[in-house]
Amino acid sequence: MCTIPVYFAAKLFVLNKRFKIFFNYFFGPILFTWLIISIYHQVQEQKNIKGAFQLLLSAFTGAQNWKLVAVLVLTPINWGIEAKKWQVLLKTIQQMGYIRAYKAVLTGQALAVSSPNNIGEYVGRMIYADEGNRGRAITLNLVASLSQLIVTFLAGIIAWVYLAHAGIDLHQNLSKTFQFWMANMFWAVVLFTVLLLLLYSYLSAFANWMAKCPILKKYNYFFSNITHLHWQELTTVFNYSAIRFVIFLLQYVLMLQVCGVHAHALILAAITAIFFLVLAIVPTIALAEVGIRGILSLQLFGLVSNNMVGILFAATGIWFINRIIPALVGSILVLKIRLFKK
């Protein structure tokens, strides 16, 4: 009488085994092909890409070549800090080596460039976690994103005040759309930043409340590990996010200078901080992001420079160096992904 259940169990085991074999050996190449095609089309769609390439190539032989080299060198350092941040967060559910954490970050970047609001980043990092921890890895990535968002908002607020003190009117020469945003955004950003800081500071307590909430109790598995994130870990993650933001600012200022956009370095850094703040608020996909970056760059950096071509080339160059190159590396790493243990 138990022959039939055993038969179906055996069939299920075979199907499950075949399913795992398929994903282990075919998922990577299929995903790699899709990512390469997607990245290629994104690069081809950018109107300023050829001009930006020519300018960057000529910069290697110019007097400011060290600045371009610095931008390139800072890129792996930047993502290396993000990998360290990811490694710290993952300690609440599993141990992961630094190299594997770095691979997870780059793979996440590869998937992020082809997804709305970088949502693919969560999937890319998740697949490097152990089989039983992938769902909880998603919530940890939310914590990583939250810390980076808070840093971006805080820096944007400081930059806004600094530019006002320096006598630079952010509304000057802006289109009506951007004027509306800038006029109503400051105090909304301040209020939202305070709320985010409170949430981040009391993240463990908030997770405990969610665990006890009857409606959310059945999802406790996904966020229970956040209760183990204490102020030491959260402070470390926040510090890593702050260092990454400083690197972002430095890269952008150096790239602007390479492209012939000249103004005081602190002014350029402050405008860049506002630039990142607006980008953090406006929903985009990577395909449209560089276009939005270009328009926003012209609106903001145009306040201190008339070199519109240089501003556009700087936005395109940074997009390619910080987004596309890591995504290409992450796409290659996808080939070696094994979703399931043998």
Protein backbone atom coordinates (compact mmCIF):
# COMPACT_ATOMS: atom_id res chain seq x y z
CA MET A 1 0.00 0.00 0.00
CA CYS A 2 2.93 2.31 0.51
CA THR A 3 4.28 1.59 -2.98
CA ILE A 4 2.44 4.51 -4.63
CA PRO A 5 3.63 7.21 -2.16
CA VAL A 6 7.17 5.86 -2.40
CA TYR A 7 6.93 5.93 -6.20
CA PHE A 8 5.79 9.56 -6.25
CA ALA A 9 8.44 10.48 -3.68
CA ALA A 10 11.08 8.90 -5.89
CA LYS A 11 9.75 10.76 -8.96
CA LEU A 12 9.73 14.02 -7.02
CA PHE A 13 13.33 13.42 -5.94
CA VAL A 14 14.39 12.83 -9.56
CA LEU A 15 12.56 15.96 -10.74
CA ASN A 16 14.02 17.96 -7.87
CA LYS A 17 17.50 16.68 -8.74
CA ARG A 18 17.03 17.54 -12.43
CA PHE A 19 15.69 20.95 -11.45
CA LYS A 20 18.80 21.63 -9.36
CA ILE A 21 21.13 20.37 -12.09
CA PHE A 22 19.43 22.66 -14.62
CA PHE A 23 19.74 25.74 -12.43
CA ASN A 24 23.30 24.93 -11.37
CA TYR A 25 24.65 24.50 -14.91
CA PHE A 26 22.30 26.43 -17.22
CA PHE A 27 21.03 29.34 -15.10
CA GLY A 28 24.43 31.08 -15.09
CA PRO A 29 25.07 31.04 -18.88
CA ILE A 30 21.47 32.06 -19.67
CA LEU A 31 21.62 34.94 -17.20
CA PHE A 32 25.07 35.96 -18.45
CA THR A 33 23.80 36.16 -22.05
CA TRP A 34 20.81 38.25 -21.03
CA LEU A 35 22.94 40.62 -18.94
CA ILE A 36 25.54 41.17 -21.66
CA ILE A 37 22.83 41.92 -24.26
CA SER A 38 21.06 44.25 -21.82
CA ILE A 39 24.24 46.13 -20.89
CA TYR A 40 25.25 46.40 -24.56
CA HIS A 41 21.89 47.96 -25.50
CA GLN A 42 22.12 50.38 -22.58
CA VAL A 43 25.54 51.58 -23.65
CA GLN A 44 24.43 51.86 -27.30
CA GLU A 45 21.43 53.99 -26.30
CA GLN A 46 23.56 56.70 -24.68
CA LYS A 47 23.99 59.63 -27.06
CA ASN A 48 27.08 61.03 -25.30
CA ILE A 49 28.97 57.76 -24.90
CA LYS A 50 31.30 58.15 -27.92
CA GLY A 51 32.26 61.70 -27.05
CA ALA A 52 32.80 60.75 -23.41
CA PHE A 53 35.04 57.84 -24.46
CA GLN A 54 37.13 60.08 -26.68
CA LEU A 55 37.52 62.66 -23.93
CA LEU A 56 38.50 60.02 -21.36
CA LEU A 57 41.03 58.45 -23.73
CA SER A 58 42.60 61.83 -24.45
CA ALA A 59 42.68 62.59 -20.72
CA PHE A 60 45.06 59.66 -20.18
CA THR A 61 47.77 61.59 -22.03
CA GLY A 62 46.91 65.00 -20.60
CA ALA A 63 48.21 66.91 -17.60
CA GLN A 64 45.29 65.74 -15.44
CA ASN A 65 45.63 62.04 -16.23
CA TRP A 66 46.24 61.30 -12.53
CA LYS A 67 42.69 62.42 -11.77
CA LEU A 68 41.20 59.95 -14.23
CA VAL A 69 43.45 57.20 -12.87
CA ALA A 70 42.27 58.10 -9.35
CA VAL A 71 38.62 57.79 -10.43
CA LEU A 72 39.31 54.32 -11.88
CA VAL A 73 41.27 53.16 -8.82
CA LEU A 74 38.57 54.38 -6.43
CA THR A 75 35.90 52.26 -8.16
CA PRO A 76 37.08 48.82 -6.89
CA ILE A 77 37.81 50.41 -3.49
CA ASN A 78 34.27 51.75 -3.41
CA TRP A 79 32.70 48.37 -4.16
CA GLY A 80 35.19 46.71 -1.80
CA ILE A 81 33.84 48.83 1.06
CA GLU A 82 30.31 47.84 0.07
CA ALA A 83 31.42 44.18 0.16
CA LYS A 84 32.77 44.69 3.69
CA LYS A 85 29.47 46.28 4.70
CA TRP A 86 27.59 43.31 3.25
CA GLN A 87 29.87 40.88 5.09
CA VAL A 88 29.16 42.62 8.42
CA LEU A 89 25.40 42.41 7.89
CA LEU A 90 25.49 38.75 6.84
CA LYS A 91 27.15 37.75 10.11
CA THR A 92 23.68 37.73 11.68
CA ILE A 93 22.72 34.68 9.58
CA GLN A 94 25.98 33.12 8.30
CA GLN A 95 29.70 33.61 7.83
CA MET A 96 30.78 34.69 4.36
CA GLY A 97 34.33 35.28 3.18
CA TYR A 98 35.28 38.73 1.92
CA ILE A 99 35.96 37.57 -1.65
CA ARG A 100 32.56 35.87 -1.85
CA ALA A 101 30.91 38.99 -0.43
CA TYR A 102 32.69 41.05 -3.11
CA LYS A 103 31.41 38.68 -5.80
CA ALA A 104 27.88 38.99 -4.40
CA VAL A 105 28.07 42.79 -4.56
CA LEU A 106 29.31 42.80 -8.18
CA THR A 107 26.70 40.23 -9.25
CA GLY A 108 24.05 42.37 -7.59
CA GLN A 109 25.34 45.33 -9.58
CA ALA A 110 25.08 43.33 -12.81
CA LEU A 111 21.42 42.56 -12.14
CA ALA A 112 20.69 46.05 -10.83
CA VAL A 113 21.52 47.84 -14.09
CA SER A 114 18.66 46.10 -15.90
CA SER A 115 15.98 46.42 -13.23
CA PRO A 116 13.73 49.22 -11.93
CA ASN A 117 15.17 51.05 -8.92
CA ASN A 118 18.10 48.59 -8.74
CA ILE A 119 15.82 45.83 -7.42
CA GLY A 120 17.97 43.21 -9.15
CA GLU A 121 20.73 44.02 -6.66
CA TYR A 122 18.76 42.13 -3.99
CA VAL A 123 18.56 39.02 -6.16
CA GLY A 124 22.24 39.16 -7.10
CA ARG A 125 23.35 39.24 -3.48
CA MET A 126 20.76 36.75 -2.33
CA ILE A 127 21.98 33.92 -4.59
CA TYR A 128 25.41 33.95 -2.92
CA ALA A 129 23.87 33.26 0.49
CA ASP A 130 23.32 29.69 1.69
CA GLU A 131 20.12 28.01 0.50
CA GLY A 132 18.28 28.44 3.79
CA ASN A 133 19.29 32.08 4.27
CA ARG A 134 18.38 33.69 0.96
CA GLY A 135 15.07 35.11 2.08
CA ARG A 136 16.64 36.71 5.13
CA ALA A 137 19.49 38.10 3.02
CA ILE A 138 16.95 40.30 1.22
CA THR A 139 15.98 42.09 4.44
CA LEU A 140 19.66 42.60 5.27
CA ASN A 141 20.14 44.28 1.91
CA LEU A 142 17.30 46.61 2.86
CA VAL A 143 19.33 47.60 5.93
CA ALA A 144 22.38 48.24 3.73
CA SER A 145 20.30 50.40 1.38
CA LEU A 146 18.71 52.24 4.32
CA SER A 147 22.09 53.23 5.75
CA GLN A 148 23.28 54.51 2.35
CA LEU A 149 20.04 56.43 1.84
CA ILE A 150 20.35 58.15 5.22
CA VAL A 151 23.92 59.21 4.44
CA THR A 152 22.79 60.57 1.06
CA PHE A 153 19.98 62.56 2.66
CA LEU A 154 22.18 63.94 5.46
CA ALA A 155 24.87 64.98 2.99
CA GLY A 156 22.24 66.57 0.76
CA ILE A 157 20.87 68.64 3.64
CA ILE A 158 24.36 69.83 4.66
CA ALA A 159 25.18 70.67 1.04
CA TRP A 160 21.91 72.57 0.63
CA VAL A 161 22.68 74.76 3.67
CA TYR A 162 26.28 75.27 2.54
CA LEU A 163 25.26 76.37 -0.96
CA ALA A 164 22.68 78.79 0.46
CA HIS A 165 25.38 80.23 2.73
CA ALA A 166 27.72 80.50 -0.29
CA GLY A 167 25.08 82.53 -2.13
CA ILE A 168 24.23 79.92 -4.77
CA ASP A 169 20.51 79.85 -5.54
CA LEU A 170 19.52 76.29 -6.48
CA HIS A 171 16.36 77.63 -8.17
CA GLN A 172 18.32 79.82 -10.59
CA ASN A 173 17.99 78.84 -14.26
CA LEU A 174 16.13 75.64 -13.37
CA SER A 175 13.21 74.41 -15.42
CA LYS A 176 9.76 74.79 -13.88
CA THR A 177 9.69 71.07 -13.05
CA PHE A 178 12.95 71.21 -11.11
CA GLN A 179 11.98 74.54 -9.51
CA PHE A 180 8.89 72.89 -8.07
CA TRP A 181 10.95 69.97 -6.75
CA MET A 182 13.64 72.15 -5.21
CA ALA A 183 11.18 74.58 -3.64
CA ASN A 184 9.20 71.88 -1.84
CA MET A 185 11.82 69.25 -1.23
CA PHE A 186 14.11 70.63 1.48
CA TRP A 187 11.84 70.44 4.52
CA ALA A 188 10.28 67.21 3.30
CA VAL A 189 13.80 65.74 3.06
CA VAL A 190 14.67 66.99 6.57
CA LEU A 191 11.53 65.43 8.04
CA PHE A 192 12.01 62.17 6.16
CA THR A 193 15.67 62.00 7.22
CA VAL A 194 14.73 62.38 10.90
CA LEU A 195 12.21 59.54 10.54
CA LEU A 196 14.78 57.33 8.80
CA LEU A 197 17.36 58.05 11.50
CA LEU A 198 14.89 57.08 14.21
CA LEU A 199 14.03 53.89 12.35
CA TYR A 200 17.70 53.02 11.86
CA SER A 201 18.61 53.82 15.48
CA TYR A 202 15.84 51.61 16.85
CA LEU A 203 15.93 48.97 14.13
CA SER A 204 16.17 46.03 16.56
CA ALA A 205 13.22 47.28 18.59
CA PHE A 206 11.21 47.82 15.40
CA ALA A 207 12.01 44.27 14.24
CA ASN A 208 10.94 42.91 17.64
CA TRP A 209 7.63 44.76 17.33
CA MET A 210 7.12 43.32 13.85
CA ALA A 211 7.83 39.83 15.19
CA LYS A 212 5.06 40.22 17.79
CA CYS A 213 2.56 41.80 15.41
CA PRO A 214 -0.13 39.17 14.63
CA ILE A 215 -0.45 40.22 10.98
CA LEU A 216 3.30 39.99 10.35
CA LYS A 217 4.04 37.03 12.59
CA LYS A 218 4.02 34.52 9.74
CA TYR A 219 6.80 36.53 8.03
CA ASN A 220 8.94 36.52 11.16
CA TYR A 221 11.55 34.31 9.45
CA PHE A 222 12.50 37.08 7.03
CA PHE A 223 13.29 39.81 9.57
CA SER A 224 13.93 38.05 12.89
CA ASN A 225 17.70 38.22 12.26
CA ILE A 226 17.52 42.04 12.26
CA THR A 227 16.86 41.88 16.00
CA HIS A 228 20.48 40.73 16.35
CA LEU A 229 21.81 43.89 14.72
CA HIS A 230 22.93 46.04 17.64
CA TRP A 231 24.31 49.56 17.64
CA GLN A 232 27.89 48.38 17.06
CA GLU A 233 27.02 46.65 13.78
CA LEU A 234 24.66 49.42 12.69
CA THR A 235 27.30 52.08 13.42
CA THR A 236 29.90 50.12 11.44
CA VAL A 237 27.53 49.77 8.48
CA PHE A 238 26.68 53.48 8.66
CA ASN A 239 30.38 54.42 8.71
CA TYR A 240 31.05 52.26 5.65
CA SER A 241 28.15 53.98 3.88
CA ALA A 242 29.58 57.40 4.77
CA ILE A 243 33.03 56.44 3.41
CA ARG A 244 31.42 55.20 0.19
CA PHE A 245 29.58 58.50 -0.20
CA VAL A 246 32.81 60.49 0.22
CA ILE A 247 34.38 58.33 -2.50
CA PHE A 248 31.38 59.00 -4.76
CA LEU A 249 31.80 62.75 -4.23
CA LEU A 250 35.54 62.64 -4.86
CA GLN A 251 35.10 60.61 -8.05
CA TYR A 252 32.50 62.99 -9.44
CA VAL A 253 34.49 66.14 -8.61
CA LEU A 254 37.62 64.66 -10.22
CA MET A 255 35.65 63.60 -13.32
CA LEU A 256 34.12 67.07 -13.65
CA GLN A 257 37.60 68.60 -13.51
CA VAL A 258 38.90 66.12 -16.09
CA CYS A 259 36.03 67.14 -18.38
CA GLY A 260 36.85 70.84 -18.02
CA VAL A 261 34.12 71.83 -15.54
CA HIS A 262 35.96 74.27 -13.29
CA ALA A 263 34.67 75.67 -10.00
CA HIS A 264 35.74 75.53 -6.37
CA ALA A 265 36.06 71.88 -5.32
CA LEU A 266 33.76 72.34 -2.28
CA ILE A 267 31.09 73.95 -4.47
CA LEU A 268 31.30 71.06 -6.94
CA ALA A 269 31.13 68.54 -4.07
CA ALA A 270 28.07 70.26 -2.58
CA ILE A 271 26.24 70.35 -5.91
CA THR A 272 27.16 66.68 -6.41
CA ALA A 273 25.61 65.87 -3.01
CA ILE A 274 22.37 67.62 -4.10
CA PHE A 275 22.60 65.72 -7.38
CA PHE A 276 22.77 62.36 -5.55
CA LEU A 277 19.93 63.43 -3.27
CA VAL A 278 17.59 64.10 -6.19
CA LEU A 279 18.62 60.84 -7.89
CA ALA A 280 17.81 58.95 -4.68
CA ILE A 281 14.29 60.37 -4.74
CA VAL A 282 13.45 60.09 -8.44
CA PRO A 283 12.54 56.50 -9.42
CA THR A 284 14.53 55.30 -12.44
CA ILE A 285 15.74 52.26 -14.28
CA ALA A 286 19.40 52.09 -15.25
CA LEU A 287 18.52 52.53 -18.94
CA ALA A 288 16.89 55.90 -18.23
CA GLU A 289 19.20 56.82 -15.36
CA VAL A 290 22.03 58.22 -17.46
CA GLY A 291 19.54 60.39 -19.37
CA ILE A 292 18.11 61.74 -16.12
CA ARG A 293 21.66 62.17 -14.83
CA GLY A 294 22.50 64.23 -17.90
CA ILE A 295 19.47 66.52 -17.61
CA LEU A 296 19.88 66.97 -13.87
CA SER A 297 23.63 67.57 -14.24
CA LEU A 298 22.99 70.37 -16.73
CA GLN A 299 20.42 71.94 -14.41
CA LEU A 300 22.59 71.85 -11.29
CA PHE A 301 26.21 72.17 -12.45
CA GLY A 302 25.08 74.72 -15.00
CA LEU A 303 24.75 77.09 -12.02
CA VAL A 304 28.55 77.31 -11.77
CA SER A 305 29.81 76.39 -15.26
CA ASN A 306 28.91 77.05 -18.89
CA ASN A 307 30.72 73.94 -20.10
CA MET A 308 27.59 71.94 -20.89
CA VAL A 309 29.43 69.35 -22.99
CA GLY A 310 31.88 68.70 -20.16
CA ILE A 311 29.02 68.32 -17.66
CA LEU A 312 27.29 65.75 -19.87
CA PHE A 313 30.53 63.84 -20.52
CA ALA A 314 31.30 63.74 -16.79
CA ALA A 315 27.84 62.31 -16.00
CA THR A 316 28.21 59.70 -18.76
CA GLY A 317 31.78 58.83 -17.77
CA ILE A 318 30.93 58.30 -14.10
CA TRP A 319 27.90 56.21 -15.08
CA PHE A 320 30.08 53.98 -17.22
CA ILE A 321 32.95 53.62 -14.73
CA ASN A 322 30.86 53.16 -11.59
CA ARG A 323 27.93 51.22 -13.02
CA ILE A 324 28.72 49.50 -16.31
CA ILE A 325 32.28 48.26 -15.65
CA PRO A 326 31.33 46.60 -12.30
CA ALA A 327 28.20 45.21 -13.99
CA LEU A 328 30.32 43.61 -16.72
CA VAL A 329 32.55 41.99 -14.09
CA GLY A 330 29.46 40.82 -12.20
CA SER A 331 28.05 39.35 -15.42
CA ILE A 332 31.17 37.20 -15.84
CA LEU A 333 30.88 36.03 -12.22
CA VAL A 334 27.32 34.88 -12.97
CA LEU A 335 28.77 32.04 -15.08
CA LYS A 336 30.15 30.35 -11.95
CA ILE A 337 27.01 30.63 -9.84
CA ARG A 338 25.74 27.38 -8.33
CA LEU A 339 22.34 27.93 -6.75
CA PHE A 340 22.12 24.53 -5.10
CA LYS A 341 24.52 22.20 -3.39
CA LYS A 342 25.12 18.88 -5.06
